Amino acid sequence: MDDRCIMENLLLTTKGVCDLYLHGTIESPTANVHQTFDTALNDSLCMQEEIYKKMSAKGWYTTETAEQTKIMKVKNQFAGM
């Protein structure tokens, strides 16, 4: 297993954890439980961001910039709803 594969696995796992913590935060029955999940979610989101930055710096996670015309098309499409 190479470094890129390890980082991809870490990113996917961290994203899954974020999803679980988000639902825990939303469904919390008490303020203490809510705060605990919220803190864990924020910590996990920070971890996810750091993993993404490292992958992006190595060229392992590339993104495409959306064309302004496509953005406006979608915006106009949903503006009429």
C-alpha atoms as a PDB file:
ATOM      1  CA  MET A   1       0.000   0.000   0.000  1.00  0.00           C
ATOM      2  CA  ASP A   2       1.553   3.317  -1.059  1.00  0.00           C
ATOM      3  CA  ASP A   3       1.298   6.699   0.667  1.00  0.00           C
ATOM      4  CA  ARG A   4      -1.423   7.954  -1.669  1.00  0.00           C
ATOM      5  CA  CYS A   5      -3.638   4.956  -0.942  1.00  0.00           C
ATOM      6  CA  ILE A   6      -3.099   5.382   2.790  1.00  0.00           C
ATOM      7  CA  MET A   7      -4.025   9.072   2.594  1.00  0.00           C
ATOM      8  CA  GLU A   8      -7.130   8.288   0.519  1.00  0.00           C
ATOM      9  CA  ASN A   9      -8.208   5.747   3.126  1.00  0.00           C
ATOM     10  CA  LEU A  10      -7.602   8.239   5.935  1.00  0.00           C
ATOM     11  CA  LEU A  11      -9.629  10.883   4.106  1.00  0.00           C
ATOM     12  CA  LEU A  12     -12.538   8.533   3.438  1.00  0.00           C
ATOM     13  CA  THR A  13     -12.542   7.300   7.023  1.00  0.00           C
ATOM     14  CA  THR A  14     -12.414  10.847   8.377  1.00  0.00           C
ATOM     15  CA  LYS A  15     -15.291  11.900   6.118  1.00  0.00           C
ATOM     16  CA  GLY A  16     -17.316   8.938   7.416  1.00  0.00           C
ATOM     17  CA  VAL A  17     -16.561   9.921  11.000  1.00  0.00           C
ATOM     18  CA  CYS A  18     -17.660  13.501  10.252  1.00  0.00           C
ATOM     19  CA  ASP A  19     -20.951  12.163   8.934  1.00  0.00           C
ATOM     20  CA  LEU A  20     -21.519  10.110  12.082  1.00  0.00           C
ATOM     21  CA  TYR A  21     -20.662  13.025  14.371  1.00  0.00           C
ATOM     22  CA  LEU A  22     -22.940  15.332  12.382  1.00  0.00           C
ATOM     23  CA  HIS A  23     -25.876  12.988  12.924  1.00  0.00           C
ATOM     24  CA  GLY A  24     -24.940  12.596  16.575  1.00  0.00           C
ATOM     25  CA  THR A  25     -24.938  16.374  16.944  1.00  0.00           C
ATOM     26  CA  ILE A  26     -28.299  16.759  15.222  1.00  0.00           C
ATOM     27  CA  GLU A  27     -29.950  13.965  17.184  1.00  0.00           C
ATOM     28  CA  SER A  28     -28.475  14.823  20.602  1.00  0.00           C
ATOM     29  CA  PRO A  29     -31.046  14.597  23.384  1.00  0.00           C
ATOM     30  CA  THR A  30     -29.220  16.923  25.817  1.00  0.00           C
ATOM     31  CA  ALA A  31     -26.967  19.964  25.665  1.00  0.00           C
ATOM     32  CA  ASN A  32     -23.990  18.021  27.058  1.00  0.00           C
ATOM     33  CA  VAL A  33     -24.287  15.283  24.460  1.00  0.00           C
ATOM     34  CA  HIS A  34     -24.804  17.881  21.746  1.00  0.00           C
ATOM     35  CA  GLN A  35     -21.677  19.781  22.796  1.00  0.00           C
ATOM     36  CA  THR A  36     -19.600  16.600  22.924  1.00  0.00           C
ATOM     37  CA  PHE A  37     -20.628  15.556  19.421  1.00  0.00           C
ATOM     38  CA  ASP A  38     -20.209  19.116  18.140  1.00  0.00           C
ATOM     39  CA  THR A  39     -16.660  19.324  19.483  1.00  0.00           C
ATOM     40  CA  ALA A  40     -15.809  15.923  18.006  1.00  0.00           C
ATOM     41  CA  LEU A  41     -17.313  17.000  14.667  1.00  0.00           C
ATOM     42  CA  ASN A  42     -15.267  20.202  14.565  1.00  0.00           C
ATOM     43  CA  ASP A  43     -12.074  18.329  15.456  1.00  0.00           C
ATOM     44  CA  SER A  44     -12.781  15.773  12.721  1.00  0.00           C
ATOM     45  CA  LEU A  45     -13.498  18.495  10.157  1.00  0.00           C
ATOM     46  CA  CYS A  46     -10.138  20.083  10.974  1.00  0.00           C
ATOM     47  CA  MET A  47      -8.441  16.698  10.500  1.00  0.00           C
ATOM     48  CA  GLN A  48     -10.227  16.212   7.189  1.00  0.00           C
ATOM     49  CA  GLU A  49      -9.071  19.634   6.020  1.00  0.00           C
ATOM     50  CA  GLU A  50      -5.446  18.890   6.910  1.00  0.00           C
ATOM     51  CA  ILE A  51      -5.528  15.554   5.090  1.00  0.00           C
ATOM     52  CA  TYR A  52      -7.068  17.237   2.048  1.00  0.00           C
ATOM     53  CA  LYS A  53      -4.411  19.981   2.063  1.00  0.00           C
ATOM     54  CA  LYS A  54      -1.586  17.435   2.196  1.00  0.00           C
ATOM     55  CA  MET A  55      -3.120  15.380  -0.597  1.00  0.00           C
ATOM     56  CA  SER A  56      -3.757  18.467  -2.708  1.00  0.00           C
ATOM     57  CA  ALA A  57      -0.177  19.695  -2.222  1.00  0.00           C
ATOM     58  CA  LYS A  58       1.100  16.372  -3.571  1.00  0.00           C
ATOM     59  CA  GLY A  59      -1.297  16.477  -6.513  1.00  0.00           C
ATOM     60  CA  TRP A  60      -3.271  13.498  -5.188  1.00  0.00           C
ATOM     61  CA  TYR A  61      -6.567  15.366  -4.865  1.00  0.00           C
ATOM     62  CA  THR A  62      -7.280  17.646  -7.753  1.00  0.00           C
ATOM     63  CA  THR A  63     -10.339  19.798  -8.250  1.00  0.00           C
ATOM     64  CA  GLU A  64     -11.784  21.539 -11.236  1.00  0.00           C
ATOM     65  CA  THR A  65     -12.865  25.160 -11.226  1.00  0.00           C
ATOM     66  CA  ALA A  66     -16.441  25.540 -12.398  1.00  0.00           C
ATOM     67  CA  GLU A  67     -16.994  27.796 -15.363  1.00  0.00           C
ATOM     68  CA  GLN A  68     -18.882  30.972 -14.509  1.00  0.00           C
ATOM     69  CA  THR A  69     -21.426  30.291 -17.273  1.00  0.00           C
ATOM     70  CA  LYS A  70     -22.272  26.908 -15.756  1.00  0.00           C
ATOM     71  CA  ILE A  71     -22.636  28.450 -12.309  1.00  0.00           C
ATOM     72  CA  MET A  72     -24.996  31.104 -13.652  1.00  0.00           C
ATOM     73  CA  LYS A  73     -27.012  28.492 -15.561  1.00  0.00           C
ATOM     74  CA  VAL A  74     -27.614  26.456 -12.404  1.00  0.00           C
ATOM     75  CA  LYS A  75     -28.278  29.595 -10.351  1.00  0.00           C
ATOM     76  CA  ASN A  76     -30.881  30.787 -12.861  1.00  0.00           C
ATOM     77  CA  GLN A  77     -32.421  27.332 -13.050  1.00  0.00           C
ATOM     78  CA  PHE A  78     -33.114  27.274  -9.314  1.00  0.00           C
ATOM     79  CA  ALA A  79     -33.929  30.979  -8.942  1.00  0.00           C
ATOM     80  CA  GLY A  80     -37.334  30.446 -10.513  1.00  0.00           C
ATOM     81  CA  MET A  81     -38.404  27.780  -8.035  1.00  0.00           C
END
